[in-house]
């Protein structure tokens, strides 16, 4: 185990950019597994109704809807 830690320390010193990149990737893979269930546990499941497509098109084009 000590030999593995020694090699890991040597790798961190020799390749700091690769080490930082691996650390960022690990955080990026870990966060969705933790954050998504927390967000789902909040009682904000009330969905906002979607507007009608004609209202969206009228808003984008600037034309009054019929």
Foldseek 3Di string as FASTA:
>chain_A
DVVVVVVVVVCCVVCVPVVVVVVVVVCVVPVVVPVVVVVVPDPPPDDDDDDDPQVVVCVVVVHDGD
